[in-house]
């Protein structure tokens, strides 16, 4: 560990070349666009959050489960949090970080959940 005036310095991330930075930004943009399109499909009812939790595409791995759940119509944090608690899933957990048991349990709970009548 390096010290500056007796205080440890923060470790620095290795520098990236401009090409590496550009590639990382392009990949991040592709993921953002894919997630935005998926959220539109969820809202339109053409994609199921339960199916996505059960078998997520790679670009959802770093997305928070809570963010995915609240993309559904009539599902806000107030309705999503009890479902997460029932499946023993932290609201800060990512889709890629779910265990098989958590994935199966949450998918089953989401399939049984029905939006409230209007």
PDB file of N, CA and C in Angstrom:
ATOM      1  N   UNK A   1       0.859  -1.173   0.000  1.00  0.00           N
ATOM      2  CA  UNK A   1       0.000   0.000   0.000  1.00  0.00           C
ATOM      3  C   UNK A   1       0.900   1.229   0.000  1.00  0.00           C
ATOM      4  N   UNK A   2       0.525   2.208  -0.787  1.00  0.00           N
ATOM      5  CA  UNK A   2       1.305   3.439  -0.859  1.00  0.00           C
ATOM      6  C   UNK A   2       0.709   4.465   0.104  1.00  0.00           C
ATOM      7  N   UNK A   3       1.618   5.287   0.635  1.00  0.00           N
ATOM      8  CA  UNK A   3       1.181   6.310   1.578  1.00  0.00           C
ATOM      9  C   UNK A   3       1.576   7.684   1.060  1.00  0.00           C
ATOM     10  N   UNK A   4       0.718   8.651   1.330  1.00  0.00           N
ATOM     11  CA  UNK A   4       0.999  10.045   1.002  1.00  0.00           C
ATOM     12  C   UNK A   4       0.783  10.843   2.282  1.00  0.00           C
ATOM     13  N   UNK A   5       1.824  11.399   2.836  1.00  0.00           N
ATOM     14  CA  UNK A   5       1.769  12.154   4.090  1.00  0.00           C
ATOM     15  C   UNK A   5       1.177  11.313   5.220  1.00  0.00           C
ATOM     16  N   UNK A   6       1.539  10.021   5.256  1.00  0.00           N
ATOM     17  CA  UNK A   6       1.089   9.144   6.324  1.00  0.00           C
ATOM     18  C   UNK A   6      -0.301   8.586   6.140  1.00  0.00           C
ATOM     19  N   UNK A   7      -1.008   8.978   5.071  1.00  0.00           N
ATOM     20  CA  UNK A   7      -2.370   8.508   4.819  1.00  0.00           C
ATOM     21  C   UNK A   7      -2.328   7.559   3.622  1.00  0.00           C
ATOM     22  N   UNK A   8      -2.933   6.380   3.743  1.00  0.00           N
ATOM     23  CA  UNK A   8      -2.897   5.457   2.607  1.00  0.00           C
ATOM     24  C   UNK A   8      -3.635   6.047   1.402  1.00  0.00           C
ATOM     25  N   UNK A   9      -3.049   5.891   0.225  1.00  0.00           N
ATOM     26  CA  UNK A   9      -3.688   6.355  -1.004  1.00  0.00           C
ATOM     27  C   UNK A   9      -4.720   5.324  -1.449  1.00  0.00           C
ATOM     28  N   UNK A  10      -5.761   5.809  -2.109  1.00  0.00           N
ATOM     29  CA  UNK A  10      -6.752   4.911  -2.677  1.00  0.00           C
ATOM     30  C   UNK A  10      -6.125   4.188  -3.863  1.00  0.00           C
ATOM     31  N   UNK A  11      -6.375   2.905  -3.984  1.00  0.00           N
ATOM     32  CA  UNK A  11      -5.870   2.210  -5.161  1.00  0.00           C
ATOM     33  C   UNK A  11      -6.582   2.737  -6.409  1.00  0.00           C
ATOM     34  N   UNK A  12      -5.854   2.904  -7.474  1.00  0.00           N
ATOM     35  CA  UNK A  12      -6.412   3.415  -8.716  1.00  0.00           C
ATOM     36  C   UNK A  12      -6.703   2.259  -9.669  1.00  0.00           C
ATOM     37  N   UNK A  13      -7.796   2.368 -10.380  1.00  0.00           N
ATOM     38  CA  UNK A  13      -8.122   1.387 -11.404  1.00  0.00           C
ATOM     39  C   UNK A  13      -7.119   1.539 -12.543  1.00  0.00           C
ATOM     40  N   UNK A  14      -6.788   0.444 -13.183  1.00  0.00           N
ATOM     41  CA  UNK A  14      -5.839   0.555 -14.291  1.00  0.00           C
ATOM     42  C   UNK A  14      -6.428   1.426 -15.398  1.00  0.00           C
ATOM     43  N   UNK A  15      -5.581   2.208 -16.013  1.00  0.00           N
ATOM     44  CA  UNK A  15      -6.035   3.081 -17.085  1.00  0.00           C
ATOM     45  C   UNK A  15      -6.444   2.289 -18.310  1.00  0.00           C
ATOM     46  N   UNK A  16      -7.353   2.847 -19.071  1.00  0.00           N
ATOM     47  CA  UNK A  16      -7.802   2.205 -20.300  1.00  0.00           C
ATOM     48  C   UNK A  16      -7.371   3.057 -21.477  1.00  0.00           C
ATOM     49  N   UNK A  17      -7.123   2.396 -22.557  1.00  0.00           N
ATOM     50  CA  UNK A  17      -6.795   3.123 -23.779  1.00  0.00           C
ATOM     51  C   UNK A  17      -8.075   3.746 -24.323  1.00  0.00           C
ATOM     52  N   UNK A  18      -7.965   4.751 -25.174  1.00  0.00           N
ATOM     53  CA  UNK A  18      -9.179   5.350 -25.754  1.00  0.00           C
ATOM     54  C   UNK A  18     -10.051   4.321 -26.476  1.00  0.00           C
ATOM     55  N   UNK A  19      -9.438   3.343 -27.132  1.00  0.00           N
ATOM     56  CA  UNK A  19     -10.213   2.316 -27.830  1.00  0.00           C
ATOM     57  C   UNK A  19     -10.987   1.442 -26.842  1.00  0.00           C
ATOM     58  N   UNK A  20     -10.329   1.109 -25.713  1.00  0.00           N
ATOM     59  CA  UNK A  20     -10.998   0.307 -24.698  1.00  0.00           C
ATOM     60  C   UNK A  20     -12.159   1.072 -24.075  1.00  0.00           C
ATOM     61  N   UNK A  21     -11.949   2.363 -23.812  1.00  0.00           N
ATOM     62  CA  UNK A  21     -13.029   3.200 -23.262  1.00  0.00           C
ATOM     63  C   UNK A  21     -14.200   3.278 -24.227  1.00  0.00           C
ATOM     64  N   UNK A  22     -13.904   3.496 -25.499  1.00  0.00           N
ATOM     65  CA  UNK A  22     -14.954   3.609 -26.511  1.00  0.00           C
ATOM     66  C   UNK A  22     -15.737   2.292 -26.613  1.00  0.00           C
ATOM     67  N   UNK A  23     -15.020   1.170 -26.593  1.00  0.00           N
ATOM     68  CA  UNK A  23     -15.685  -0.132 -26.658  1.00  0.00           C
ATOM     69  C   UNK A  23     -16.577  -0.358 -25.436  1.00  0.00           C
ATOM     70  N   UNK A  24     -16.092   0.026 -24.254  1.00  0.00           N
ATOM     71  CA  UNK A  24     -16.888  -0.125 -23.034  1.00  0.00           C
ATOM     72  C   UNK A  24     -18.135   0.758 -23.079  1.00  0.00           C
ATOM     73  N   UNK A  25     -17.998   1.978 -23.579  1.00  0.00           N
ATOM     74  CA  UNK A  25     -19.150   2.873 -23.693  1.00  0.00           C
ATOM     75  C   UNK A  25     -20.168   2.334 -24.695  1.00  0.00           C
ATOM     76  N   UNK A  26     -19.684   1.807 -25.797  1.00  0.00           N
ATOM     77  CA  UNK A  26     -20.594   1.233 -26.790  1.00  0.00           C
ATOM     78  C   UNK A  26     -21.352   0.051 -26.211  1.00  0.00           C
ATOM     79  N   UNK A  27     -20.647  -0.801 -25.487  1.00  0.00           N
ATOM     80  CA  UNK A  27     -21.297  -1.968 -24.862  1.00  0.00           C
ATOM     81  C   UNK A  27     -22.326  -1.515 -23.825  1.00  0.00           C
ATOM     82  N   UNK A  28     -21.988  -0.517 -23.019  1.00  0.00           N
ATOM     83  CA  UNK A  28     -22.930   0.002 -22.019  1.00  0.00           C
ATOM     84  C   UNK A  28     -24.170   0.584 -22.692  1.00  0.00           C
ATOM     85  N   UNK A  29     -23.982   1.287 -23.805  1.00  0.00           N
ATOM     86  CA  UNK A  29     -25.123   1.847 -24.536  1.00  0.00           C
ATOM     87  C   UNK A  29     -25.999   0.745 -25.116  1.00  0.00           C
ATOM     88  N   UNK A  30     -25.385  -0.314 -25.648  1.00  0.00           N
ATOM     89  CA  UNK A  30     -26.161  -1.432 -26.176  1.00  0.00           C
ATOM     90  C   UNK A  30     -27.018  -2.053 -25.078  1.00  0.00           C
ATOM     91  N   UNK A  31     -26.428  -2.212 -23.893  1.00  0.00           N
ATOM     92  CA  UNK A  31     -27.175  -2.785 -22.775  1.00  0.00           C
ATOM     93  C   UNK A  31     -28.318  -1.864 -22.369  1.00  0.00           C
ATOM     94  N   UNK A  32     -28.064  -0.556 -22.290  1.00  0.00           N
ATOM     95  CA  UNK A  32     -29.124   0.395 -21.924  1.00  0.00           C
ATOM     96  C   UNK A  32     -30.273   0.365 -22.930  1.00  0.00           C
ATOM     97  N   UNK A  33     -29.937   0.343 -24.218  1.00  0.00           N
ATOM     98  CA  UNK A  33     -30.977   0.309 -25.247  1.00  0.00           C
ATOM     99  C   UNK A  33     -31.769  -1.001 -25.188  1.00  0.00           C
ATOM    100  N   UNK A  34     -31.090  -2.119 -24.964  1.00  0.00           N
ATOM    101  CA  UNK A  34     -31.776  -3.410 -24.868  1.00  0.00           C
ATOM    102  C   UNK A  34     -32.712  -3.436 -23.662  1.00  0.00           C
ATOM    103  N   UNK A  35     -32.245  -2.900 -22.534  1.00  0.00           N
ATOM    104  CA  UNK A  35     -33.094  -2.863 -21.342  1.00  0.00           C
ATOM    105  C   UNK A  35     -34.295  -1.945 -21.543  1.00  0.00           C
ATOM    106  N   UNK A  36     -34.093  -0.814 -22.193  1.00  0.00           N
ATOM    107  CA  UNK A  36     -35.203   0.112 -22.444  1.00  0.00           C
ATOM    108  C   UNK A  36     -36.249  -0.552 -23.339  1.00  0.00           C
ATOM    109  N   UNK A  37     -35.796  -1.256 -24.375  1.00  0.00           N
ATOM    110  CA  UNK A  37     -36.725  -1.954 -25.262  1.00  0.00           C
ATOM    111  C   UNK A  37     -37.478  -3.037 -24.496  1.00  0.00           C
ATOM    112  N   UNK A  38     -36.777  -3.750 -23.631  1.00  0.00           N
ATOM    113  CA  UNK A  38     -37.407  -4.796 -22.836  1.00  0.00           C
ATOM    114  C   UNK A  38     -38.448  -4.215 -21.881  1.00  0.00           C
ATOM    115  N   UNK A  39     -38.136  -3.082 -21.276  1.00  0.00           N
ATOM    116  CA  UNK A  39     -39.107  -2.442 -20.379  1.00  0.00           C
ATOM    117  C   UNK A  39     -40.364  -2.028 -21.144  1.00  0.00           C
ATOM    118  N   UNK A  40     -40.200  -1.570 -22.388  1.00  0.00           N
ATOM    119  CA  UNK A  40     -41.371  -1.234 -23.207  1.00  0.00           C
ATOM    120  C   UNK A  40     -42.201  -2.483 -23.491  1.00  0.00           C
ATOM    121  N   UNK A  41     -41.526  -3.611 -23.771  1.00  0.00           N
ATOM    122  CA  UNK A  41     -42.238  -4.867 -24.008  1.00  0.00           C
ATOM    123  C   UNK A  41     -42.979  -5.326 -22.752  1.00  0.00           C
ATOM    124  N   UNK A  42     -42.348  -5.178 -21.601  1.00  0.00           N
ATOM    125  CA  UNK A  42     -43.009  -5.553 -20.342  1.00  0.00           C
ATOM    126  C   UNK A  42     -44.249  -4.701 -20.139  1.00  0.00           C
ATOM    127  N   UNK A  43     -44.115  -3.415 -20.345  1.00  0.00           N
ATOM    128  CA  UNK A  43     -45.248  -2.510 -20.159  1.00  0.00           C
ATOM    129  C   UNK A  43     -46.375  -2.819 -21.135  1.00  0.00           C
ATOM    130  N   UNK A  44     -46.010  -3.215 -22.362  1.00  0.00           N
ATOM    131  CA  UNK A  44     -47.015  -3.548 -23.376  1.00  0.00           C
ATOM    132  C   UNK A  44     -47.627  -4.932 -23.145  1.00  0.00           C
ATOM    133  N   UNK A  45     -47.014  -5.735 -22.281  1.00  0.00           N
ATOM    134  CA  UNK A  45     -47.533  -7.062 -21.993  1.00  0.00           C
ATOM    135  C   UNK A  45     -47.018  -8.140 -22.925  1.00  0.00           C
ATOM    136  N   UNK A  46     -46.020  -7.834 -23.738  1.00  0.00           N
ATOM    137  CA  UNK A  46     -45.471  -8.835 -24.654  1.00  0.00           C
ATOM    138  C   UNK A  46     -44.288  -9.593 -24.066  1.00  0.00           C
ATOM    139  N   UNK A  47     -43.823  -9.197 -22.903  1.00  0.00           N
ATOM    140  CA  UNK A  47     -42.744  -9.896 -22.209  1.00  0.00           C
ATOM    141  C   UNK A  47     -43.160 -10.103 -20.760  1.00  0.00           C
ATOM    142  N   UNK A  48     -42.814 -11.233 -20.207  1.00  0.00           N
ATOM    143  CA  UNK A  48     -43.188 -11.590 -18.841  1.00  0.00           C
ATOM    144  C   UNK A  48     -41.978 -11.471 -17.915  1.00  0.00           C
ATOM    145  N   UNK A  49     -42.144 -10.723 -16.831  1.00  0.00           N
ATOM    146  CA  UNK A  49     -41.062 -10.587 -15.858  1.00  0.00           C
ATOM    147  C   UNK A  49     -40.758 -11.937 -15.221  1.00  0.00           C
ATOM    148  N   UNK A  50     -41.777 -12.760 -14.985  1.00  0.00           N
ATOM    149  CA  UNK A  50     -41.553 -14.091 -14.403  1.00  0.00           C
ATOM    150  C   UNK A  50     -40.662 -14.924 -15.311  1.00  0.00           C
ATOM    151  N   UNK A  51     -40.923 -14.892 -16.617  1.00  0.00           N
ATOM    152  CA  UNK A  51     -40.092 -15.652 -17.559  1.00  0.00           C
ATOM    153  C   UNK A  51     -38.677 -15.090 -17.617  1.00  0.00           C
ATOM    154  N   UNK A  52     -38.546 -13.771 -17.535  1.00  0.00           N
ATOM    155  CA  UNK A  52     -37.226 -13.143 -17.573  1.00  0.00           C
ATOM    156  C   UNK A  52     -36.419 -13.469 -16.322  1.00  0.00           C
ATOM    157  N   UNK A  53     -37.074 -13.542 -15.176  1.00  0.00           N
ATOM    158  CA  UNK A  53     -36.382 -13.910 -13.941  1.00  0.00           C
ATOM    159  C   UNK A  53     -35.951 -15.370 -14.017  1.00  0.00           C
ATOM    160  N   UNK A  54     -36.817 -16.220 -14.557  1.00  0.00           N
ATOM    161  CA  UNK A  54     -36.509 -17.646 -14.647  1.00  0.00           C
ATOM    162  C   UNK A  54     -35.365 -17.930 -15.616  1.00  0.00           C
ATOM    163  N   UNK A  55     -35.335 -17.204 -16.739  1.00  0.00           N
ATOM    164  CA  UNK A  55     -34.303 -17.434 -17.757  1.00  0.00           C
ATOM    165  C   UNK A  55     -33.879 -16.089 -18.347  1.00  0.00           C
ATOM    166  N   UNK A  56     -33.031 -15.335 -17.627  1.00  0.00           N
ATOM    167  CA  UNK A  56     -32.702 -13.975 -18.060  1.00  0.00           C
ATOM    168  C   UNK A  56     -31.680 -13.931 -19.199  1.00  0.00           C
ATOM    169  N   UNK A  57     -31.857 -12.977 -20.130  1.00  0.00           N
ATOM    170  CA  UNK A  57     -30.813 -12.749 -21.120  1.00  0.00           C
ATOM    171  C   UNK A  57     -29.578 -12.151 -20.438  1.00  0.00           C
ATOM    172  N   UNK A  58     -28.446 -12.256 -21.075  1.00  0.00           N
ATOM    173  CA  UNK A  58     -27.178 -11.829 -20.472  1.00  0.00           C
ATOM    174  C   UNK A  58     -27.177 -10.350 -20.093  1.00  0.00           C
ATOM    175  N   UNK A  59     -27.852  -9.508 -20.870  1.00  0.00           N
ATOM    176  CA  UNK A  59     -27.815  -8.072 -20.592  1.00  0.00           C
ATOM    177  C   UNK A  59     -28.604  -7.678 -19.349  1.00  0.00           C
ATOM    178  N   UNK A  60     -29.329  -8.620 -18.747  1.00  0.00           N
ATOM    179  CA  UNK A  60     -30.041  -8.329 -17.496  1.00  0.00           C
ATOM    180  C   UNK A  60     -29.235  -8.711 -16.261  1.00  0.00           C
ATOM    181  N   UNK A  61     -28.078  -9.314 -16.435  1.00  0.00           N
ATOM    182  CA  UNK A  61     -27.318  -9.838 -15.303  1.00  0.00           C
ATOM    183  C   UNK A  61     -27.015  -8.782 -14.246  1.00  0.00           C
ATOM    184  N   UNK A  62     -26.717  -7.560 -14.654  1.00  0.00           N
ATOM    185  CA  UNK A  62     -26.344  -6.529 -13.682  1.00  0.00           C
ATOM    186  C   UNK A  62     -27.508  -5.618 -13.295  1.00  0.00           C
ATOM    187  N   UNK A  63     -28.706  -5.920 -13.766  1.00  0.00           N
ATOM    188  CA  UNK A  63     -29.880  -5.109 -13.429  1.00  0.00           C
ATOM    189  C   UNK A  63     -30.442  -5.556 -12.079  1.00  0.00           C
ATOM    190  N   UNK A  64     -30.873  -4.619 -11.275  1.00  0.00           N
ATOM    191  CA  UNK A  64     -31.483  -4.944  -9.992  1.00  0.00           C
ATOM    192  C   UNK A  64     -32.835  -5.620 -10.218  1.00  0.00           C
ATOM    193  N   UNK A  65     -33.112  -6.657  -9.447  1.00  0.00           N
ATOM    194  CA  UNK A  65     -34.377  -7.386  -9.572  1.00  0.00           C
ATOM    195  C   UNK A  65     -35.545  -6.437  -9.320  1.00  0.00           C
ATOM    196  N   UNK A  66     -35.421  -5.565  -8.342  1.00  0.00           N
ATOM    197  CA  UNK A  66     -36.488  -4.619  -8.032  1.00  0.00           C
ATOM    198  C   UNK A  66     -36.791  -3.721  -9.231  1.00  0.00           C
ATOM    199  N   UNK A  67     -35.756  -3.245  -9.931  1.00  0.00           N
ATOM    200  CA  UNK A  67     -35.970  -2.400 -11.107  1.00  0.00           C
ATOM    201  C   UNK A  67     -36.713  -3.152 -12.200  1.00  0.00           C
ATOM    202  N   UNK A  68     -36.400  -4.424 -12.367  1.00  0.00           N
ATOM    203  CA  UNK A  68     -37.091  -5.235 -13.369  1.00  0.00           C
ATOM    204  C   UNK A  68     -38.556  -5.425 -12.974  1.00  0.00           C
ATOM    205  N   UNK A  69     -38.801  -5.698 -11.703  1.00  0.00           N
ATOM    206  CA  UNK A  69     -40.171  -5.934 -11.248  1.00  0.00           C
ATOM    207  C   UNK A  69     -41.054  -4.702 -11.392  1.00  0.00           C
ATOM    208  N   UNK A  70     -40.522  -3.525 -11.061  1.00  0.00           N
ATOM    209  CA  UNK A  70     -41.353  -2.315 -11.117  1.00  0.00           C
ATOM    210  C   UNK A  70     -41.575  -1.828 -12.547  1.00  0.00           C
ATOM    211  N   UNK A  71     -40.976  -2.489 -13.529  1.00  0.00           N
ATOM    212  CA  UNK A  71     -41.252  -2.153 -14.924  1.00  0.00           C
ATOM    213  C   UNK A  71     -42.647  -2.633 -15.332  1.00  0.00           C
ATOM    214  N   UNK A  72     -43.228  -3.543 -14.537  1.00  0.00           N
ATOM    215  CA  UNK A  72     -44.569  -4.044 -14.825  1.00  0.00           C
ATOM    216  C   UNK A  72     -45.620  -3.000 -14.469  1.00  0.00           C
ATOM    217  N   UNK A  73     -46.678  -2.925 -15.242  1.00  0.00           N
ATOM    218  CA  UNK A  73     -47.776  -2.043 -14.842  1.00  0.00           C
ATOM    219  C   UNK A  73     -48.352  -2.476 -13.493  1.00  0.00           C
ATOM    220  N   UNK A  74     -48.702  -1.523 -12.679  1.00  0.00           N
ATOM    221  CA  UNK A  74     -49.318  -1.721 -11.359  1.00  0.00           C
ATOM    222  C   UNK A  74     -48.385  -2.356 -10.335  1.00  0.00           C
ATOM    223  N   UNK A  75     -47.081  -2.445 -10.644  1.00  0.00           N
ATOM    224  CA  UNK A  75     -46.123  -3.031  -9.694  1.00  0.00           C
ATOM    225  C   UNK A  75     -45.116  -1.958  -9.324  1.00  0.00           C
ATOM    226  N   UNK A  76     -45.336  -1.353  -8.176  1.00  0.00           N
ATOM    227  CA  UNK A  76     -44.370  -0.392  -7.673  1.00  0.00           C
ATOM    228  C   UNK A  76     -43.577  -1.031  -6.548  1.00  0.00           C
ATOM    229  N   UNK A  77     -42.716  -0.273  -5.919  1.00  0.00           N
ATOM    230  CA  UNK A  77     -41.932  -0.829  -4.807  1.00  0.00           C
ATOM    231  C   UNK A  77     -42.797  -1.386  -3.674  1.00  0.00           C
ATOM    232  N   UNK A  78     -43.939  -0.760  -3.424  1.00  0.00           N
ATOM    233  CA  UNK A  78     -44.809  -1.207  -2.331  1.00  0.00           C
ATOM    234  C   UNK A  78     -45.337  -2.611  -2.577  1.00  0.00           C
ATOM    235  N   UNK A  79     -45.621  -2.952  -3.824  1.00  0.00           N
ATOM    236  CA  UNK A  79     -46.101  -4.303  -4.145  1.00  0.00           C
ATOM    237  C   UNK A  79     -44.944  -5.273  -4.394  1.00  0.00           C
ATOM    238  N   UNK A  80     -43.820  -4.760  -4.892  1.00  0.00           N
ATOM    239  CA  UNK A  80     -42.693  -5.633  -5.236  1.00  0.00           C
ATOM    240  C   UNK A  80     -41.938  -6.114  -3.994  1.00  0.00           C
ATOM    241  N   UNK A  81     -41.758  -5.248  -3.021  1.00  0.00           N
ATOM    242  CA  UNK A  81     -40.949  -5.602  -1.853  1.00  0.00           C
ATOM    243  C   UNK A  81     -41.480  -6.811  -1.081  1.00  0.00           C
ATOM    244  N   UNK A  82     -42.802  -6.945  -0.843  1.00  0.00           N
ATOM    245  CA  UNK A  82     -43.281  -8.155  -0.161  1.00  0.00           C
ATOM    246  C   UNK A  82     -43.018  -9.436  -0.963  1.00  0.00           C
ATOM    247  N   UNK A  83     -43.085  -9.350  -2.293  1.00  0.00           N
ATOM    248  CA  UNK A  83     -42.784 -10.531  -3.114  1.00  0.00           C
ATOM    249  C   UNK A  83     -41.310 -10.908  -2.989  1.00  0.00           C
ATOM    250  N   UNK A  84     -40.449  -9.901  -3.005  1.00  0.00           N
ATOM    251  CA  UNK A  84     -39.018 -10.159  -2.831  1.00  0.00           C
ATOM    252  C   UNK A  84     -38.742 -10.770  -1.460  1.00  0.00           C
ATOM    253  N   UNK A  85     -39.415 -10.230  -0.450  1.00  0.00           N
ATOM    254  CA  UNK A  85     -39.229 -10.750   0.913  1.00  0.00           C
ATOM    255  C   UNK A  85     -39.708 -12.199   1.016  1.00  0.00           C
ATOM    256  N   UNK A  86     -40.817 -12.502   0.360  1.00  0.00           N
ATOM    257  CA  UNK A  86     -41.346 -13.866   0.395  1.00  0.00           C
ATOM    258  C   UNK A  86     -40.382 -14.852  -0.259  1.00  0.00           C
ATOM    259  N   UNK A  87     -39.630 -14.383  -1.254  1.00  0.00           N
ATOM    260  CA  UNK A  87     -38.652 -15.239  -1.932  1.00  0.00           C
ATOM    261  C   UNK A  87     -37.263 -15.111  -1.303  1.00  0.00           C
ATOM    262  N   UNK A  88     -37.170 -14.400  -0.203  1.00  0.00           N
ATOM    263  CA  UNK A  88     -35.902 -14.108   0.490  1.00  0.00           C
ATOM    264  C   UNK A  88     -34.844 -13.565  -0.465  1.00  0.00           C
ATOM    265  N   UNK A  89     -35.250 -12.522  -1.191  1.00  0.00           N
ATOM    266  CA  UNK A  89     -34.352 -11.842  -2.128  1.00  0.00           C
ATOM    267  C   UNK A  89     -34.193 -10.396  -1.662  1.00  0.00           C
ATOM    268  N   UNK A  90     -32.966  -9.940  -1.562  1.00  0.00           N
ATOM    269  CA  UNK A  90     -32.697  -8.559  -1.187  1.00  0.00           C
ATOM    270  C   UNK A  90     -33.119  -7.631  -2.323  1.00  0.00           C
ATOM    271  N   UNK A  91     -33.684  -6.467  -2.009  1.00  0.00           N
ATOM    272  CA  UNK A  91     -34.046  -5.513  -3.061  1.00  0.00           C
ATOM    273  C   UNK A  91     -32.835  -5.015  -3.851  1.00  0.00           C
ATOM    274  N   UNK A  92     -31.654  -5.165  -3.291  1.00  0.00           N
ATOM    275  CA  UNK A  92     -30.433  -4.713  -3.978  1.00  0.00           C
ATOM    276  C   UNK A  92     -29.803  -5.817  -4.829  1.00  0.00           C
ATOM    277  N   UNK A  93     -30.391  -6.993  -4.824  1.00  0.00           N
ATOM    278  CA  UNK A  93     -29.843  -8.132  -5.568  1.00  0.00           C
ATOM    279  C   UNK A  93     -30.003  -7.910  -7.075  1.00  0.00           C
ATOM    280  N   UNK A  94     -28.992  -8.326  -7.825  1.00  0.00           N
ATOM    281  CA  UNK A  94     -29.085  -8.238  -9.284  1.00  0.00           C
ATOM    282  C   UNK A  94     -29.697  -9.527  -9.830  1.00  0.00           C
ATOM    283  N   UNK A  95     -30.215  -9.440 -11.042  1.00  0.00           N
ATOM    284  CA  UNK A  95     -30.826 -10.611 -11.674  1.00  0.00           C
ATOM    285  C   UNK A  95     -29.784 -11.721 -11.812  1.00  0.00           C
ATOM    286  N   UNK A  96     -28.578 -11.371 -12.188  1.00  0.00           N
ATOM    287  CA  UNK A  96     -27.524 -12.364 -12.340  1.00  0.00           C
ATOM    288  C   UNK A  96     -27.048 -12.948 -11.023  1.00  0.00           C
ATOM    289  N   UNK A  97     -27.320 -12.275  -9.919  1.00  0.00           N
ATOM    290  CA  UNK A  97     -26.876 -12.736  -8.606  1.00  0.00           C
ATOM    291  C   UNK A  97     -27.862 -13.633  -7.898  1.00  0.00           C
ATOM    292  N   UNK A  98     -29.000 -13.924  -8.521  1.00  0.00           N
ATOM    293  CA  UNK A  98     -29.993 -14.792  -7.891  1.00  0.00           C
ATOM    294  C   UNK A  98     -29.543 -16.242  -7.924  1.00  0.00           C
ATOM    295  N   UNK A  99     -29.785 -16.951  -6.842  1.00  0.00           N
ATOM    296  CA  UNK A  99     -29.522 -18.394  -6.829  1.00  0.00           C
ATOM    297  C   UNK A  99     -30.650 -19.085  -7.599  1.00  0.00           C
ATOM    298  N   UNK A 100     -30.448 -20.337  -7.932  1.00  0.00           N
ATOM    299  CA  UNK A 100     -31.481 -21.070  -8.663  1.00  0.00           C
ATOM    300  C   UNK A 100     -32.779 -21.127  -7.853  1.00  0.00           C
ATOM    301  N   UNK A 101     -32.639 -21.368  -6.528  1.00  0.00           N
ATOM    302  CA  UNK A 101     -33.825 -21.425  -5.676  1.00  0.00           C
ATOM    303  C   UNK A 101     -34.562 -20.094  -5.666  1.00  0.00           C
ATOM    304  N   UNK A 102     -33.813 -18.988  -5.498  1.00  0.00           N
ATOM    305  CA  UNK A 102     -34.441 -17.664  -5.489  1.00  0.00           C
ATOM    306  C   UNK A 102     -35.110 -17.374  -6.831  1.00  0.00           C
ATOM    307  N   UNK A 103     -34.440 -17.736  -7.914  1.00  0.00           N
ATOM    308  CA  UNK A 103     -34.966 -17.501  -9.259  1.00  0.00           C
ATOM    309  C   UNK A 103     -36.294 -18.247  -9.456  1.00  0.00           C
ATOM    310  N   UNK A 104     -36.308 -19.531  -9.077  1.00  0.00           N
ATOM    311  CA  UNK A 104     -37.518 -20.338  -9.249  1.00  0.00           C
ATOM    312  C   UNK A 104     -38.655 -19.847  -8.356  1.00  0.00           C
ATOM    313  N   UNK A 105     -38.317 -19.534  -7.104  1.00  0.00           N
ATOM    314  CA  UNK A 105     -39.345 -19.083  -6.157  1.00  0.00           C
ATOM    315  C   UNK A 105     -39.933 -17.739  -6.572  1.00  0.00           C
ATOM    316  N   UNK A 106     -39.077 -16.793  -6.955  1.00  0.00           N
ATOM    317  CA  UNK A 106     -39.562 -15.481  -7.370  1.00  0.00           C
ATOM    318  C   UNK A 106     -40.372 -15.580  -8.656  1.00  0.00           C
ATOM    319  N   UNK A 107     -39.934 -16.394  -9.594  1.00  0.00           N
ATOM    320  CA  UNK A 107     -40.691 -16.574 -10.846  1.00  0.00           C
ATOM    321  C   UNK A 107     -42.082 -17.128 -10.552  1.00  0.00           C
ATOM    322  N   UNK A 108     -42.177 -18.100  -9.635  1.00  0.00           N
ATOM    323  CA  UNK A 108     -43.480 -18.661  -9.271  1.00  0.00           C
ATOM    324  C   UNK A 108     -44.367 -17.599  -8.622  1.00  0.00           C
ATOM    325  N   UNK A 109     -43.804 -16.806  -7.727  1.00  0.00           N
ATOM    326  CA  UNK A 109     -44.582 -15.741  -7.082  1.00  0.00           C
ATOM    327  C   UNK A 109     -45.057 -14.715  -8.107  1.00  0.00           C
ATOM    328  N   UNK A 110     -44.210 -14.377  -9.062  1.00  0.00           N
ATOM    329  CA  UNK A 110     -44.591 -13.395 -10.088  1.00  0.00           C
ATOM    330  C   UNK A 110     -45.669 -13.958 -11.015  1.00  0.00           C
ATOM    331  N   UNK A 111     -45.618 -15.249 -11.298  1.00  0.00           N
ATOM    332  CA  UNK A 111     -46.656 -15.855 -12.156  1.00  0.00           C
ATOM    333  C   UNK A 111     -48.018 -15.853 -11.441  1.00  0.00           C
ATOM    334  N   UNK A 112     -47.999 -16.010 -10.108  1.00  0.00           N
ATOM    335  CA  UNK A 112     -49.247 -16.020  -9.332  1.00  0.00           C
ATOM    336  C   UNK A 112     -49.777 -14.629  -9.063  1.00  0.00           C
ATOM    337  N   UNK A 113     -48.918 -13.611  -9.169  1.00  0.00           N
ATOM    338  CA  UNK A 113     -49.335 -12.243  -8.873  1.00  0.00           C
ATOM    339  C   UNK A 113     -50.246 -11.735  -9.983  1.00  0.00           C
ATOM    340  N   UNK A 114     -51.298 -11.079  -9.594  1.00  0.00           N
ATOM    341  CA  UNK A 114     -52.212 -10.485 -10.577  1.00  0.00           C
ATOM    342  C   UNK A 114     -52.373  -9.016 -10.248  1.00  0.00           C
ATOM    343  N   UNK A 115     -52.374  -8.161 -11.273  1.00  0.00           N
ATOM    344  CA  UNK A 115     -52.572  -6.732 -10.999  1.00  0.00           C
ATOM    345  C   UNK A 115     -53.959  -6.493 -10.413  1.00  0.00           C
ATOM    346  N   UNK A 116     -54.106  -5.453  -9.612  1.00  0.00           N
ATOM    347  CA  UNK A 116     -55.400  -5.162  -8.998  1.00  0.00           C
ATOM    348  C   UNK A 116     -56.422  -4.762 -10.073  1.00  0.00           C
ATOM    349  N   UNK A 117     -57.710  -5.019  -9.810  1.00  0.00           N
ATOM    350  CA  UNK A 117     -58.736  -4.606 -10.778  1.00  0.00           C
ATOM    351  C   UNK A 117     -58.807  -3.082 -10.829  1.00  0.00           C
ATOM    352  N   UNK A 118     -59.159  -2.567 -11.971  1.00  0.00           N
ATOM    353  CA  UNK A 118     -59.237  -1.102 -12.144  1.00  0.00           C
ATOM    354  C   UNK A 118     -60.454  -0.533 -11.502  1.00  0.00           C
TER     355      UNK A 118
END
